Amino acid sequence: MSNTTNNSINTENKYDIHERIYRFIVRVIRLVNSLPKTPANTVIIPQLLRCVTSMGANDQEADGTLTKKDFIHCYTIVRKENKETVFWLRLIADTNPTIKHKMVNIIQEGQEIIAIVSSIINNTRTSS
């Protein structure tokens, strides 16, 4: 595949919220797998995994809803779980100083997804 084709695929995926959420979840899981098994991390990791995977499941559920109300409900949960995910990521970054610099991008991605999902919710509410 040419570089042009790769770039267009990457650009398209950046704007596909389902793919973007999926890739974010994969990044978080890979991060978790690389974390040192400290007492604090062993408490935080299950919390982080629960909320980030719930985020993905609710995104997929929203994609299959039949009503606007159900769609908004599912995406509200996606936003809630994403906010919790960002909280746990920030906590890991602040308590694992050797990897904090590596976490800036993943935390930023989480915050961007929150903004996108919030926009989707607001636009859905105001549409006819």
C-alpha atoms as a PDB file:
ATOM      1  CA  MET A   1       0.000   0.000   0.000  1.00  0.00           C
ATOM      2  CA  SER A   2       1.274   3.468  -0.767  1.00  0.00           C
ATOM      3  CA  ASN A   3       1.847   6.149   1.857  1.00  0.00           C
ATOM      4  CA  THR A   4      -1.003   8.156   0.396  1.00  0.00           C
ATOM      5  CA  THR A   5      -3.405   5.287   0.931  1.00  0.00           C
ATOM      6  CA  ASN A   6      -2.155   4.702   4.477  1.00  0.00           C
ATOM      7  CA  ASN A   7      -2.580   8.377   5.306  1.00  0.00           C
ATOM      8  CA  SER A   8      -6.150   8.471   3.994  1.00  0.00           C
ATOM      9  CA  ILE A   9      -7.050   5.362   6.005  1.00  0.00           C
ATOM     10  CA  ASN A  10      -5.558   6.883   9.148  1.00  0.00           C
ATOM     11  CA  THR A  11      -7.431  10.143   8.543  1.00  0.00           C
ATOM     12  CA  GLU A  12     -10.716   8.311   7.986  1.00  0.00           C
ATOM     13  CA  ASN A  13     -10.248   6.215  11.145  1.00  0.00           C
ATOM     14  CA  LYS A  14      -9.510   9.322  13.189  1.00  0.00           C
ATOM     15  CA  TYR A  15     -13.013  10.535  12.390  1.00  0.00           C
ATOM     16  CA  ASP A  16     -14.737   7.166  12.937  1.00  0.00           C
ATOM     17  CA  ILE A  17     -15.653   7.413  16.616  1.00  0.00           C
ATOM     18  CA  HIS A  18     -16.181   3.667  16.968  1.00  0.00           C
ATOM     19  CA  GLU A  19     -12.714   2.895  15.627  1.00  0.00           C
ATOM     20  CA  ARG A  20     -11.173   5.701  17.652  1.00  0.00           C
ATOM     21  CA  ILE A  21     -12.730   4.374  20.870  1.00  0.00           C
ATOM     22  CA  TYR A  22     -11.610   0.840  20.016  1.00  0.00           C
ATOM     23  CA  ARG A  23      -8.010   1.948  19.408  1.00  0.00           C
ATOM     24  CA  PHE A  24      -8.048   3.924  22.661  1.00  0.00           C
ATOM     25  CA  ILE A  25      -9.195   0.830  24.564  1.00  0.00           C
ATOM     26  CA  VAL A  26      -6.437  -1.257  22.978  1.00  0.00           C
ATOM     27  CA  ARG A  27      -3.865   1.386  23.981  1.00  0.00           C
ATOM     28  CA  VAL A  28      -5.123   1.367  27.564  1.00  0.00           C
ATOM     29  CA  ILE A  29      -5.010  -2.434  27.748  1.00  0.00           C
ATOM     30  CA  ARG A  30      -1.465  -2.472  26.364  1.00  0.00           C
ATOM     31  CA  LEU A  31      -0.483   0.156  28.916  1.00  0.00           C
ATOM     32  CA  VAL A  32      -1.998  -1.909  31.730  1.00  0.00           C
ATOM     33  CA  ASN A  33      -0.075  -4.977  30.571  1.00  0.00           C
ATOM     34  CA  SER A  34       3.188  -3.031  30.819  1.00  0.00           C
ATOM     35  CA  LEU A  35       2.611  -1.490  34.259  1.00  0.00           C
ATOM     36  CA  PRO A  36       4.724  -2.575  37.215  1.00  0.00           C
ATOM     37  CA  LYS A  37       2.735  -4.736  39.615  1.00  0.00           C
ATOM     38  CA  THR A  38       2.940  -2.378  42.600  1.00  0.00           C
ATOM     39  CA  PRO A  39       0.354  -2.577  45.397  1.00  0.00           C
ATOM     40  CA  ALA A  40      -1.319   0.631  44.144  1.00  0.00           C
ATOM     41  CA  ASN A  41      -1.356  -0.492  40.518  1.00  0.00           C
ATOM     42  CA  THR A  42      -2.917  -3.836  41.427  1.00  0.00           C
ATOM     43  CA  VAL A  43      -5.864  -1.931  42.933  1.00  0.00           C
ATOM     44  CA  ILE A  44      -6.144   0.627  40.116  1.00  0.00           C
ATOM     45  CA  ILE A  45      -5.744  -1.751  37.159  1.00  0.00           C
ATOM     46  CA  PRO A  46      -9.035  -3.669  37.609  1.00  0.00           C
ATOM     47  CA  GLN A  47     -10.934  -0.385  38.021  1.00  0.00           C
ATOM     48  CA  LEU A  48      -9.362   1.005  34.859  1.00  0.00           C
ATOM     49  CA  LEU A  49     -10.030  -2.147  32.854  1.00  0.00           C
ATOM     50  CA  ARG A  50     -13.684  -2.243  33.927  1.00  0.00           C
ATOM     51  CA  CYS A  51     -14.437   1.322  32.914  1.00  0.00           C
ATOM     52  CA  VAL A  52     -12.483   1.328  29.648  1.00  0.00           C
ATOM     53  CA  THR A  53     -14.020  -1.939  28.447  1.00  0.00           C
ATOM     54  CA  SER A  54     -17.494  -0.751  29.506  1.00  0.00           C
ATOM     55  CA  MET A  55     -16.890   2.320  27.388  1.00  0.00           C
ATOM     56  CA  GLY A  56     -16.332   0.126  24.330  1.00  0.00           C
ATOM     57  CA  ALA A  57     -19.288  -2.132  25.016  1.00  0.00           C
ATOM     58  CA  ASN A  58     -21.644   0.825  25.393  1.00  0.00           C
ATOM     59  CA  ASP A  59     -20.286   2.423  22.223  1.00  0.00           C
ATOM     60  CA  GLN A  60     -21.159  -0.760  20.336  1.00  0.00           C
ATOM     61  CA  GLU A  61     -24.555  -0.937  21.995  1.00  0.00           C
ATOM     62  CA  ALA A  62     -25.263   2.672  20.993  1.00  0.00           C
ATOM     63  CA  ASP A  63     -24.435   1.804  17.401  1.00  0.00           C
ATOM     64  CA  GLY A  64     -27.275  -0.724  17.398  1.00  0.00           C
ATOM     65  CA  THR A  65     -29.988   1.196  19.225  1.00  0.00           C
ATOM     66  CA  LEU A  66     -33.362   1.794  17.652  1.00  0.00           C
ATOM     67  CA  THR A  67     -34.381   4.979  19.420  1.00  0.00           C
ATOM     68  CA  LYS A  68     -32.806   8.357  19.966  1.00  0.00           C
ATOM     69  CA  LYS A  69     -33.416   8.013  23.710  1.00  0.00           C
ATOM     70  CA  ASP A  70     -31.515   4.710  23.887  1.00  0.00           C
ATOM     71  CA  PHE A  71     -28.699   6.133  21.762  1.00  0.00           C
ATOM     72  CA  ILE A  72     -28.292   9.132  24.085  1.00  0.00           C
ATOM     73  CA  HIS A  73     -28.445   6.849  27.129  1.00  0.00           C
ATOM     74  CA  CYS A  74     -25.675   4.592  25.776  1.00  0.00           C
ATOM     75  CA  TYR A  75     -23.448   7.493  24.802  1.00  0.00           C
ATOM     76  CA  THR A  76     -23.986   9.114  28.190  1.00  0.00           C
ATOM     77  CA  ILE A  77     -22.558   5.930  29.713  1.00  0.00           C
ATOM     78  CA  VAL A  78     -19.670   6.006  27.211  1.00  0.00           C
ATOM     79  CA  ARG A  79     -18.866   9.551  28.356  1.00  0.00           C
ATOM     80  CA  LYS A  80     -19.154   8.642  32.043  1.00  0.00           C
ATOM     81  CA  GLU A  81     -16.897   5.602  31.680  1.00  0.00           C
ATOM     82  CA  ASN A  82     -14.428   7.604  29.606  1.00  0.00           C
ATOM     83  CA  LYS A  83     -14.214  10.289  32.294  1.00  0.00           C
ATOM     84  CA  GLU A  84     -13.509   7.588  34.864  1.00  0.00           C
ATOM     85  CA  THR A  85     -10.890   6.062  32.555  1.00  0.00           C
ATOM     86  CA  VAL A  86      -9.103   9.409  32.270  1.00  0.00           C
ATOM     87  CA  PHE A  87      -9.178   9.743  36.062  1.00  0.00           C
ATOM     88  CA  TRP A  88      -7.489   6.346  36.521  1.00  0.00           C
ATOM     89  CA  LEU A  89      -4.954   7.129  33.782  1.00  0.00           C
ATOM     90  CA  ARG A  90      -4.051  10.404  35.481  1.00  0.00           C
ATOM     91  CA  LEU A  91      -3.711   8.604  38.808  1.00  0.00           C
ATOM     92  CA  ILE A  92      -1.403   6.004  37.258  1.00  0.00           C
ATOM     93  CA  ALA A  93       0.657   8.745  35.619  1.00  0.00           C
ATOM     94  CA  ASP A  94       1.026  10.657  38.883  1.00  0.00           C
ATOM     95  CA  THR A  95       1.940   7.580  40.927  1.00  0.00           C
ATOM     96  CA  ASN A  96       4.323   6.033  38.370  1.00  0.00           C
ATOM     97  CA  PRO A  97       6.737   8.882  37.621  1.00  0.00           C
ATOM     98  CA  THR A  98       8.971   6.780  35.352  1.00  0.00           C
ATOM     99  CA  ILE A  99       6.164   6.400  32.782  1.00  0.00           C
ATOM    100  CA  LYS A 100       4.337   9.701  33.302  1.00  0.00           C
ATOM    101  CA  HIS A 101       5.857  11.257  30.170  1.00  0.00           C
ATOM    102  CA  LYS A 102       4.583   8.323  28.081  1.00  0.00           C
ATOM    103  CA  MET A 103       1.017   8.842  29.274  1.00  0.00           C
ATOM    104  CA  VAL A 104       0.445  12.399  28.100  1.00  0.00           C
ATOM    105  CA  ASN A 105      -0.827  11.305  24.670  1.00  0.00           C
ATOM    106  CA  ILE A 106      -3.174   8.601  25.915  1.00  0.00           C
ATOM    107  CA  ILE A 107      -4.700  10.951  28.499  1.00  0.00           C
ATOM    108  CA  GLN A 108      -5.104  13.612  25.805  1.00  0.00           C
ATOM    109  CA  GLU A 109      -6.784  11.074  23.510  1.00  0.00           C
ATOM    110  CA  GLY A 110      -9.205  10.171  26.296  1.00  0.00           C
ATOM    111  CA  GLN A 111     -10.058  13.832  26.827  1.00  0.00           C
ATOM    112  CA  GLU A 112     -10.588  14.368  23.099  1.00  0.00           C
ATOM    113  CA  ILE A 113     -12.942  11.385  22.958  1.00  0.00           C
ATOM    114  CA  ILE A 114     -14.906  12.834  25.894  1.00  0.00           C
ATOM    115  CA  ALA A 115     -15.329  16.070  23.944  1.00  0.00           C
ATOM    116  CA  ILE A 116     -16.410  14.227  20.786  1.00  0.00           C
ATOM    117  CA  VAL A 117     -18.896  12.036  22.642  1.00  0.00           C
ATOM    118  CA  SER A 118     -20.297  15.091  24.446  1.00  0.00           C
ATOM    119  CA  SER A 119     -20.772  16.756  21.071  1.00  0.00           C
ATOM    120  CA  ILE A 120     -22.504  13.647  19.690  1.00  0.00           C
ATOM    121  CA  ILE A 121     -24.874  13.636  22.691  1.00  0.00           C
ATOM    122  CA  ASN A 122     -25.641  17.350  22.364  1.00  0.00           C
ATOM    123  CA  ASN A 123     -26.148  17.174  18.589  1.00  0.00           C
ATOM    124  CA  THR A 124     -28.448  14.169  18.961  1.00  0.00           C
ATOM    125  CA  ARG A 125     -30.528  15.937  21.590  1.00  0.00           C
ATOM    126  CA  THR A 126     -31.010  18.991  19.403  1.00  0.00           C
ATOM    127  CA  SER A 127     -31.704  17.125  16.151  1.00  0.00           C
ATOM    128  CA  SER A 128     -35.261  16.435  15.110  1.00  0.00           C
END
